[in-house]
Amino acid sequence: MIKLIPLAALGLGLGACMPNTPPAYLAAPADPSVGVRSPGYAAVTAGVRSYDVVDPLDWRELNRRVAPGVNPERGDSNDAARRGR
């Protein structure tokens, strides 16, 4: 309780130092001479992709497609040895 009184006095003292009117740039009305872009129509579904159901693919082939620097036509992956080629 004793520590609360000095903190309250400090808060009231600092609050008394604040200006009672807001700064002019905060209370200024809107400037009608400023140009504003007119609102345009934007479709809600713009840029949406269709994700249809597809058949399952071989996971090895999918990995080959995204692997960096591997040429699937040459057969230079390690899976060729596992398949017996």
PDB file of N, CA and C in Angstrom:
ATOM      1  N   MET A   1       0.824  -1.190   0.000  1.00  0.00           N
ATOM      2  CA  MET A   1       0.000   0.000   0.000  1.00  0.00           C
ATOM      3  C   MET A   1       0.867   1.252   0.000  1.00  0.00           C
ATOM      4  N   ILE A   2       1.972   1.193   0.720  1.00  0.00           N
ATOM      5  CA  ILE A   2       2.853   2.359   0.822  1.00  0.00           C
ATOM      6  C   ILE A   2       3.488   2.633  -0.546  1.00  0.00           C
ATOM      7  N   LYS A   3       3.841   1.616  -1.301  1.00  0.00           N
ATOM      8  CA  LYS A   3       4.467   1.811  -2.610  1.00  0.00           C
ATOM      9  C   LYS A   3       3.460   2.281  -3.656  1.00  0.00           C
ATOM     10  N   LEU A   4       2.204   2.040  -3.432  1.00  0.00           N
ATOM     11  CA  LEU A   4       1.169   2.417  -4.375  1.00  0.00           C
ATOM     12  C   LEU A   4       0.944   3.931  -4.394  1.00  0.00           C
ATOM     13  N   ILE A   5       1.084   4.565  -3.272  1.00  0.00           N
ATOM     14  CA  ILE A   5       0.847   6.012  -3.186  1.00  0.00           C
ATOM     15  C   ILE A   5       1.880   6.797  -3.997  1.00  0.00           C
ATOM     16  N   PRO A   6       3.194   6.513  -3.890  1.00  0.00           N
ATOM     17  CA  PRO A   6       4.146   7.259  -4.731  1.00  0.00           C
ATOM     18  C   PRO A   6       3.954   6.995  -6.229  1.00  0.00           C
ATOM     19  N   LEU A   7       3.584   5.784  -6.593  1.00  0.00           N
ATOM     20  CA  LEU A   7       3.334   5.491  -8.009  1.00  0.00           C
ATOM     21  C   LEU A   7       2.125   6.251  -8.525  1.00  0.00           C
ATOM     22  N   ALA A   8       1.086   6.348  -7.728  1.00  0.00           N
ATOM     23  CA  ALA A   8      -0.093   7.104  -8.129  1.00  0.00           C
ATOM     24  C   ALA A   8       0.233   8.584  -8.243  1.00  0.00           C
ATOM     25  N   ALA A   9       1.027   9.108  -7.314  1.00  0.00           N
ATOM     26  CA  ALA A   9       1.413  10.517  -7.379  1.00  0.00           C
ATOM     27  C   ALA A   9       2.276  10.792  -8.605  1.00  0.00           C
ATOM     28  N   LEU A  10       3.175   9.866  -8.935  1.00  0.00           N
ATOM     29  CA  LEU A  10       4.006  10.018 -10.124  1.00  0.00           C
ATOM     30  C   LEU A  10       3.156  10.002 -11.386  1.00  0.00           C
ATOM     31  N   GLY A  11       2.194   9.119 -11.449  1.00  0.00           N
ATOM     32  CA  GLY A  11       1.296   9.057 -12.606  1.00  0.00           C
ATOM     33  C   GLY A  11       0.470  10.315 -12.766  1.00  0.00           C
ATOM     34  N   LEU A  12      -0.072  10.819 -11.692  1.00  0.00           N
ATOM     35  CA  LEU A  12      -0.845  12.056 -11.759  1.00  0.00           C
ATOM     36  C   LEU A  12       0.035  13.251 -12.120  1.00  0.00           C
ATOM     37  N   GLY A  13       1.261  13.273 -11.592  1.00  0.00           N
ATOM     38  CA  GLY A  13       2.176  14.363 -11.902  1.00  0.00           C
ATOM     39  C   GLY A  13       2.571  14.363 -13.380  1.00  0.00           C
ATOM     40  N   LEU A  14       2.855  13.194 -13.936  1.00  0.00           N
ATOM     41  CA  LEU A  14       3.193  13.110 -15.358  1.00  0.00           C
ATOM     42  C   LEU A  14       1.980  13.383 -16.244  1.00  0.00           C
ATOM     43  N   GLY A  15       0.828  13.004 -15.787  1.00  0.00           N
ATOM     44  CA  GLY A  15      -0.387  13.259 -16.554  1.00  0.00           C
ATOM     45  C   GLY A  15      -0.720  14.735 -16.629  1.00  0.00           C
ATOM     46  N   ALA A  16      -0.328  15.482 -15.621  1.00  0.00           N
ATOM     47  CA  ALA A  16      -0.593  16.922 -15.611  1.00  0.00           C
ATOM     48  C   ALA A  16       0.295  17.652 -16.608  1.00  0.00           C
ATOM     49  N   CYS A  17       1.396  17.039 -17.029  1.00  0.00           N
ATOM     50  CA  CYS A  17       2.308  17.677 -17.981  1.00  0.00           C
ATOM     51  C   CYS A  17       1.858  17.516 -19.430  1.00  0.00           C
ATOM     52  N   MET A  18       0.879  16.712 -19.644  1.00  0.00           N
ATOM     53  CA  MET A  18       0.416  16.457 -21.020  1.00  0.00           C
ATOM     54  C   MET A  18      -0.446  17.623 -21.516  1.00  0.00           C
ATOM     55  N   PRO A  19      -0.367  17.955 -22.794  1.00  0.00           N
ATOM     56  CA  PRO A  19      -1.234  19.026 -23.317  1.00  0.00           C
ATOM     57  C   PRO A  19      -2.686  18.569 -23.320  1.00  0.00           C
ATOM     58  N   ASN A  20      -3.591  19.523 -23.152  1.00  0.00           N
ATOM     59  CA  ASN A  20      -5.007  19.150 -23.075  1.00  0.00           C
ATOM     60  C   ASN A  20      -5.694  19.155 -24.444  1.00  0.00           C
ATOM     61  N   THR A  21      -5.040  19.645 -25.483  1.00  0.00           N
ATOM     62  CA  THR A  21      -5.615  19.609 -26.828  1.00  0.00           C
ATOM     63  C   THR A  21      -4.766  18.704 -27.700  1.00  0.00           C
ATOM     64  N   PRO A  22      -5.378  17.969 -28.600  1.00  0.00           N
ATOM     65  CA  PRO A  22      -4.587  17.090 -29.470  1.00  0.00           C
ATOM     66  C   PRO A  22      -3.772  17.909 -30.471  1.00  0.00           C
ATOM     67  N   PRO A  23      -2.706  17.352 -31.008  1.00  0.00           N
ATOM     68  CA  PRO A  23      -1.926  18.059 -32.030  1.00  0.00           C
ATOM     69  C   PRO A  23      -2.788  18.378 -33.248  1.00  0.00           C
ATOM     70  N   ALA A  24      -2.422  19.432 -33.950  1.00  0.00           N
ATOM     71  CA  ALA A  24      -3.230  19.903 -35.071  1.00  0.00           C
ATOM     72  C   ALA A  24      -3.310  18.869 -36.190  1.00  0.00           C
ATOM     73  N   TYR A  25      -2.245  18.086 -36.411  1.00  0.00           N
ATOM     74  CA  TYR A  25      -2.269  17.109 -37.502  1.00  0.00           C
ATOM     75  C   TYR A  25      -3.203  15.940 -37.207  1.00  0.00           C
ATOM     76  N   LEU A  26      -3.539  15.734 -35.932  1.00  0.00           N
ATOM     77  CA  LEU A  26      -4.487  14.666 -35.599  1.00  0.00           C
ATOM     78  C   LEU A  26      -5.933  15.143 -35.665  1.00  0.00           C
ATOM     79  N   ALA A  27      -6.159  16.423 -35.403  1.00  0.00           N
ATOM     80  CA  ALA A  27      -7.519  16.938 -35.360  1.00  0.00           C
ATOM     81  C   ALA A  27      -7.909  17.661 -36.641  1.00  0.00           C
ATOM     82  N   ALA A  28      -7.023  17.709 -37.639  1.00  0.00           N
ATOM     83  CA  ALA A  28      -7.317  18.428 -38.876  1.00  0.00           C
ATOM     84  C   ALA A  28      -8.362  17.661 -39.689  1.00  0.00           C
ATOM     85  N   PRO A  29      -9.307  18.364 -40.304  1.00  0.00           N
ATOM     86  CA  PRO A  29     -10.280  17.683 -41.147  1.00  0.00           C
ATOM     87  C   PRO A  29      -9.624  17.205 -42.444  1.00  0.00           C
ATOM     88  N   ALA A  30     -10.301  16.335 -43.148  1.00  0.00           N
ATOM     89  CA  ALA A  30      -9.779  15.805 -44.401  1.00  0.00           C
ATOM     90  C   ALA A  30      -9.669  16.904 -45.447  1.00  0.00           C
ATOM     91  N   ASP A  31      -8.633  16.839 -46.243  1.00  0.00           N
ATOM     92  CA  ASP A  31      -8.401  17.839 -47.285  1.00  0.00           C
ATOM     93  C   ASP A  31      -9.139  17.400 -48.552  1.00  0.00           C
ATOM     94  N   PRO A  32     -10.159  18.143 -49.008  1.00  0.00           N
ATOM     95  CA  PRO A  32     -10.918  17.713 -50.189  1.00  0.00           C
ATOM     96  C   PRO A  32     -10.136  17.858 -51.497  1.00  0.00           C
ATOM     97  N   SER A  33      -9.007  18.565 -51.483  1.00  0.00           N
ATOM     98  CA  SER A  33      -8.257  18.734 -52.724  1.00  0.00           C
ATOM     99  C   SER A  33      -7.308  17.573 -53.009  1.00  0.00           C
ATOM    100  N   VAL A  34      -7.150  16.664 -52.069  1.00  0.00           N
ATOM    101  CA  VAL A  34      -6.266  15.520 -52.268  1.00  0.00           C
ATOM    102  C   VAL A  34      -6.960  14.528 -53.200  1.00  0.00           C
ATOM    103  N   GLY A  35      -6.239  14.098 -54.234  1.00  0.00           N
ATOM    104  CA  GLY A  35      -6.801  13.139 -55.184  1.00  0.00           C
ATOM    105  C   GLY A  35      -6.874  11.743 -54.604  1.00  0.00           C
ATOM    106  N   VAL A  36      -7.976  11.105 -54.832  1.00  0.00           N
ATOM    107  CA  VAL A  36      -8.188   9.753 -54.330  1.00  0.00           C
ATOM    108  C   VAL A  36      -8.603   8.875 -55.499  1.00  0.00           C
ATOM    109  N   ARG A  37      -8.025   7.714 -55.566  1.00  0.00           N
ATOM    110  CA  ARG A  37      -8.374   6.771 -56.615  1.00  0.00           C
ATOM    111  C   ARG A  37      -9.780   6.235 -56.367  1.00  0.00           C
ATOM    112  N   SER A  38     -10.574   6.150 -57.414  1.00  0.00           N
ATOM    113  CA  SER A  38     -11.930   5.627 -57.255  1.00  0.00           C
ATOM    114  C   SER A  38     -11.868   4.121 -57.012  1.00  0.00           C
ATOM    115  N   PRO A  39     -12.766   3.601 -56.204  1.00  0.00           N
ATOM    116  CA  PRO A  39     -12.735   2.170 -55.920  1.00  0.00           C
ATOM    117  C   PRO A  39     -13.095   1.374 -57.169  1.00  0.00           C
ATOM    118  N   GLY A  40     -12.356   0.323 -57.418  1.00  0.00           N
ATOM    119  CA  GLY A  40     -12.612  -0.524 -58.574  1.00  0.00           C
ATOM    120  C   GLY A  40     -13.133  -1.879 -58.133  1.00  0.00           C
ATOM    121  N   TYR A  41     -13.683  -2.593 -59.083  1.00  0.00           N
ATOM    122  CA  TYR A  41     -14.228  -3.903 -58.797  1.00  0.00           C
ATOM    123  C   TYR A  41     -13.114  -4.930 -58.771  1.00  0.00           C
ATOM    124  N   ALA A  42     -13.101  -5.767 -57.771  1.00  0.00           N
ATOM    125  CA  ALA A  42     -12.174  -6.888 -57.690  1.00  0.00           C
ATOM    126  C   ALA A  42     -12.985  -8.132 -57.374  1.00  0.00           C
ATOM    127  N   ALA A  43     -12.877  -9.117 -58.251  1.00  0.00           N
ATOM    128  CA  ALA A  43     -13.637 -10.352 -58.051  1.00  0.00           C
ATOM    129  C   ALA A  43     -13.127 -11.084 -56.815  1.00  0.00           C
ATOM    130  N   VAL A  44     -14.045 -11.678 -56.094  1.00  0.00           N
ATOM    131  CA  VAL A  44     -13.679 -12.399 -54.889  1.00  0.00           C
ATOM    132  C   VAL A  44     -12.866 -13.637 -55.234  1.00  0.00           C
ATOM    133  N   THR A  45     -13.147 -14.255 -56.357  1.00  0.00           N
ATOM    134  CA  THR A  45     -12.477 -15.490 -56.739  1.00  0.00           C
ATOM    135  C   THR A  45     -11.306 -15.259 -57.686  1.00  0.00           C
ATOM    136  N   ALA A  46     -10.802 -14.048 -57.785  1.00  0.00           N
ATOM    137  CA  ALA A  46      -9.674 -13.771 -58.672  1.00  0.00           C
ATOM    138  C   ALA A  46      -8.436 -14.492 -58.165  1.00  0.00           C
ATOM    139  N   GLY A  47      -7.779 -15.234 -59.036  1.00  0.00           N
ATOM    140  CA  GLY A  47      -6.551 -15.935 -58.685  1.00  0.00           C
ATOM    141  C   GLY A  47      -6.751 -17.270 -58.000  1.00  0.00           C
ATOM    142  N   VAL A  48      -7.972 -17.756 -57.932  1.00  0.00           N
ATOM    143  CA  VAL A  48      -8.226 -19.038 -57.288  1.00  0.00           C
ATOM    144  C   VAL A  48      -7.982 -20.157 -58.287  1.00  0.00           C
ATOM    145  N   ARG A  49      -7.254 -21.162 -57.858  1.00  0.00           N
ATOM    146  CA  ARG A  49      -6.977 -22.315 -58.712  1.00  0.00           C
ATOM    147  C   ARG A  49      -7.973 -23.431 -58.425  1.00  0.00           C
ATOM    148  N   SER A  50      -8.186 -24.234 -59.425  1.00  0.00           N
ATOM    149  CA  SER A  50      -9.053 -25.386 -59.257  1.00  0.00           C
ATOM    150  C   SER A  50      -8.202 -26.597 -58.907  1.00  0.00           C
ATOM    151  N   TYR A  51      -8.499 -27.233 -57.801  1.00  0.00           N
ATOM    152  CA  TYR A  51      -7.775 -28.427 -57.379  1.00  0.00           C
ATOM    153  C   TYR A  51      -8.725 -29.618 -57.512  1.00  0.00           C
ATOM    154  N   ASP A  52      -8.712 -30.218 -58.698  1.00  0.00           N
ATOM    155  CA  ASP A  52      -9.567 -31.373 -58.952  1.00  0.00           C
ATOM    156  C   ASP A  52      -8.906 -32.642 -58.444  1.00  0.00           C
ATOM    157  N   VAL A  53      -9.703 -33.664 -58.291  1.00  0.00           N
ATOM    158  CA  VAL A  53      -9.198 -34.954 -57.858  1.00  0.00           C
ATOM    159  C   VAL A  53      -8.455 -35.594 -59.024  1.00  0.00           C
ATOM    160  N   VAL A  54      -7.273 -36.117 -58.751  1.00  0.00           N
ATOM    161  CA  VAL A  54      -6.465 -36.777 -59.772  1.00  0.00           C
ATOM    162  C   VAL A  54      -6.157 -38.192 -59.327  1.00  0.00           C
ATOM    163  N   ASP A  55      -5.722 -38.996 -60.286  1.00  0.00           N
ATOM    164  CA  ASP A  55      -5.317 -40.357 -59.953  1.00  0.00           C
ATOM    165  C   ASP A  55      -3.988 -40.328 -59.219  1.00  0.00           C
ATOM    166  N   PRO A  56      -3.733 -41.305 -58.343  1.00  0.00           N
ATOM    167  CA  PRO A  56      -2.455 -41.340 -57.649  1.00  0.00           C
ATOM    168  C   PRO A  56      -1.315 -41.617 -58.630  1.00  0.00           C
ATOM    169  N   LEU A  57      -0.180 -40.994 -58.387  1.00  0.00           N
ATOM    170  CA  LEU A  57       0.987 -41.160 -59.241  1.00  0.00           C
ATOM    171  C   LEU A  57       2.095 -41.872 -58.474  1.00  0.00           C
ATOM    172  N   ASP A  58       3.075 -42.346 -59.207  1.00  0.00           N
ATOM    173  CA  ASP A  58       4.222 -43.002 -58.605  1.00  0.00           C
ATOM    174  C   ASP A  58       5.046 -41.967 -57.853  1.00  0.00           C
ATOM    175  N   TRP A  59       5.352 -42.213 -56.593  1.00  0.00           N
ATOM    176  CA  TRP A  59       6.064 -41.234 -55.786  1.00  0.00           C
ATOM    177  C   TRP A  59       7.487 -41.039 -56.273  1.00  0.00           C
ATOM    178  N   ARG A  60       8.074 -42.063 -56.896  1.00  0.00           N
ATOM    179  CA  ARG A  60       9.433 -41.903 -57.425  1.00  0.00           C
ATOM    180  C   ARG A  60       9.445 -40.910 -58.582  1.00  0.00           C
ATOM    181  N   GLU A  61       8.431 -40.993 -59.439  1.00  0.00           N
ATOM    182  CA  GLU A  61       8.356 -40.064 -60.566  1.00  0.00           C
ATOM    183  C   GLU A  61       8.113 -38.641 -60.083  1.00  0.00           C
ATOM    184  N   LEU A  62       7.271 -38.485 -59.070  1.00  0.00           N
ATOM    185  CA  LEU A  62       7.040 -37.152 -58.513  1.00  0.00           C
ATOM    186  C   LEU A  62       8.319 -36.581 -57.910  1.00  0.00           C
ATOM    187  N   ASN A  63       9.105 -37.411 -57.230  1.00  0.00           N
ATOM    188  CA  ASN A  63      10.369 -36.940 -56.672  1.00  0.00           C
ATOM    189  C   ASN A  63      11.349 -36.559 -57.774  1.00  0.00           C
ATOM    190  N   ARG A  64      11.354 -37.279 -58.868  1.00  0.00           N
ATOM    191  CA  ARG A  64      12.252 -36.948 -59.973  1.00  0.00           C
ATOM    192  C   ARG A  64      11.892 -35.611 -60.602  1.00  0.00           C
ATOM    193  N   ARG A  65      10.604 -35.295 -60.642  1.00  0.00           N
ATOM    194  CA  ARG A  65      10.182 -34.029 -61.247  1.00  0.00           C
ATOM    195  C   ARG A  65      10.670 -32.827 -60.457  1.00  0.00           C
ATOM    196  N   VAL A  66      10.723 -32.944 -59.139  1.00  0.00           N
ATOM    197  CA  VAL A  66      11.090 -31.798 -58.315  1.00  0.00           C
ATOM    198  C   VAL A  66      12.543 -31.822 -57.881  1.00  0.00           C
ATOM    199  N   ALA A  67      13.268 -32.895 -58.168  1.00  0.00           N
ATOM    200  CA  ALA A  67      14.665 -32.979 -57.753  1.00  0.00           C
ATOM    201  C   ALA A  67      15.521 -32.018 -58.568  1.00  0.00           C
ATOM    202  N   PRO A  68      16.444 -31.307 -57.935  1.00  0.00           N
ATOM    203  CA  PRO A  68      17.306 -30.383 -58.671  1.00  0.00           C
ATOM    204  C   PRO A  68      18.420 -31.122 -59.400  1.00  0.00           C
ATOM    205  N   GLY A  69      18.615 -30.793 -60.653  1.00  0.00           N
ATOM    206  CA  GLY A  69      19.736 -31.305 -61.424  1.00  0.00           C
ATOM    207  C   GLY A  69      19.668 -32.756 -61.829  1.00  0.00           C
ATOM    208  N   VAL A  70      18.528 -33.375 -61.773  1.00  0.00           N
ATOM    209  CA  VAL A  70      18.402 -34.773 -62.177  1.00  0.00           C
ATOM    210  C   VAL A  70      17.615 -34.808 -63.469  1.00  0.00           C
ATOM    211  N   ASN A  71      18.145 -35.525 -64.438  1.00  0.00           N
ATOM    212  CA  ASN A  71      17.483 -35.654 -65.734  1.00  0.00           C
ATOM    213  C   ASN A  71      16.773 -37.001 -65.776  1.00  0.00           C
ATOM    214  N   PRO A  72      15.441 -37.046 -65.684  1.00  0.00           N
ATOM    215  CA  PRO A  72      14.738 -38.330 -65.645  1.00  0.00           C
ATOM    216  C   PRO A  72      14.840 -39.103 -66.957  1.00  0.00           C
ATOM    217  N   GLU A  73      15.114 -38.425 -68.080  1.00  0.00           N
ATOM    218  CA  GLU A  73      15.222 -39.145 -69.345  1.00  0.00           C
ATOM    219  C   GLU A  73      16.499 -39.973 -69.405  1.00  0.00           C
ATOM    220  N   ARG A  74      17.563 -39.514 -68.731  1.00  0.00           N
ATOM    221  CA  ARG A  74      18.819 -40.251 -68.744  1.00  0.00           C
ATOM    222  C   ARG A  74      18.786 -41.423 -67.793  1.00  0.00           C
ATOM    223  N   GLY A  75      17.907 -41.411 -66.825  1.00  0.00           N
ATOM    224  CA  GLY A  75      17.831 -42.508 -65.864  1.00  0.00           C
ATOM    225  C   GLY A  75      18.979 -42.468 -64.886  1.00  0.00           C
ATOM    226  N   ASP A  76      19.407 -41.273 -64.470  1.00  0.00           N
ATOM    227  CA  ASP A  76      20.551 -41.171 -63.587  1.00  0.00           C
ATOM    228  C   ASP A  76      20.165 -41.110 -62.105  1.00  0.00           C
ATOM    229  N   SER A  77      19.020 -41.626 -61.764  1.00  0.00           N
ATOM    230  CA  SER A  77      18.655 -41.659 -60.346  1.00  0.00           C
ATOM    231  C   SER A  77      19.044 -43.013 -59.754  1.00  0.00           C
ATOM    232  N   ASN A  78      19.043 -43.118 -58.454  1.00  0.00           N
ATOM    233  CA  ASN A  78      19.399 -44.351 -57.781  1.00  0.00           C
ATOM    234  C   ASN A  78      18.282 -45.377 -57.866  1.00  0.00           C
ATOM    235  N   ASP A  79      17.087 -44.965 -58.233  1.00  0.00           N
ATOM    236  CA  ASP A  79      15.968 -45.891 -58.309  1.00  0.00           C
ATOM    237  C   ASP A  79      16.121 -46.876 -59.470  1.00  0.00           C
ATOM    238  N   ALA A  80      16.914 -46.544 -60.473  1.00  0.00           N
ATOM    239  CA  ALA A  80      17.103 -47.438 -61.608  1.00  0.00           C
ATOM    240  C   ALA A  80      17.761 -48.723 -61.150  1.00  0.00           C
ATOM    241  N   ALA A  81      18.705 -48.657 -60.219  1.00  0.00           N
ATOM    242  CA  ALA A  81      19.377 -49.845 -59.718  1.00  0.00           C
ATOM    243  C   ALA A  81      18.419 -50.686 -58.898  1.00  0.00           C
ATOM    244  N   ARG A  82      17.535 -50.049 -58.159  1.00  0.00           N
ATOM    245  CA  ARG A  82      16.569 -50.808 -57.345  1.00  0.00           C
ATOM    246  C   ARG A  82      15.543 -51.524 -58.202  1.00  0.00           C
ATOM    247  N   ARG A  83      15.239 -50.967 -59.357  1.00  0.00           N
ATOM    248  CA  ARG A  83      14.237 -51.596 -60.225  1.00  0.00           C
ATOM    249  C   ARG A  83      14.844 -52.676 -61.109  1.00  0.00           C
ATOM    250  N   GLY A  84      16.163 -52.838 -61.071  1.00  0.00           N
ATOM    251  CA  GLY A  84      16.790 -53.913 -61.835  1.00  0.00           C
ATOM    252  C   GLY A  84      17.181 -53.532 -63.230  1.00  0.00           C
ATOM    253  N   ARG A  85      17.343 -52.263 -63.525  1.00  0.00           N
ATOM    254  CA  ARG A  85      17.769 -51.879 -64.879  1.00  0.00           C
ATOM    255  C   ARG A  85      19.251 -51.962 -65.014  1.00  0.00           C
TER     256      ARG A  85
END
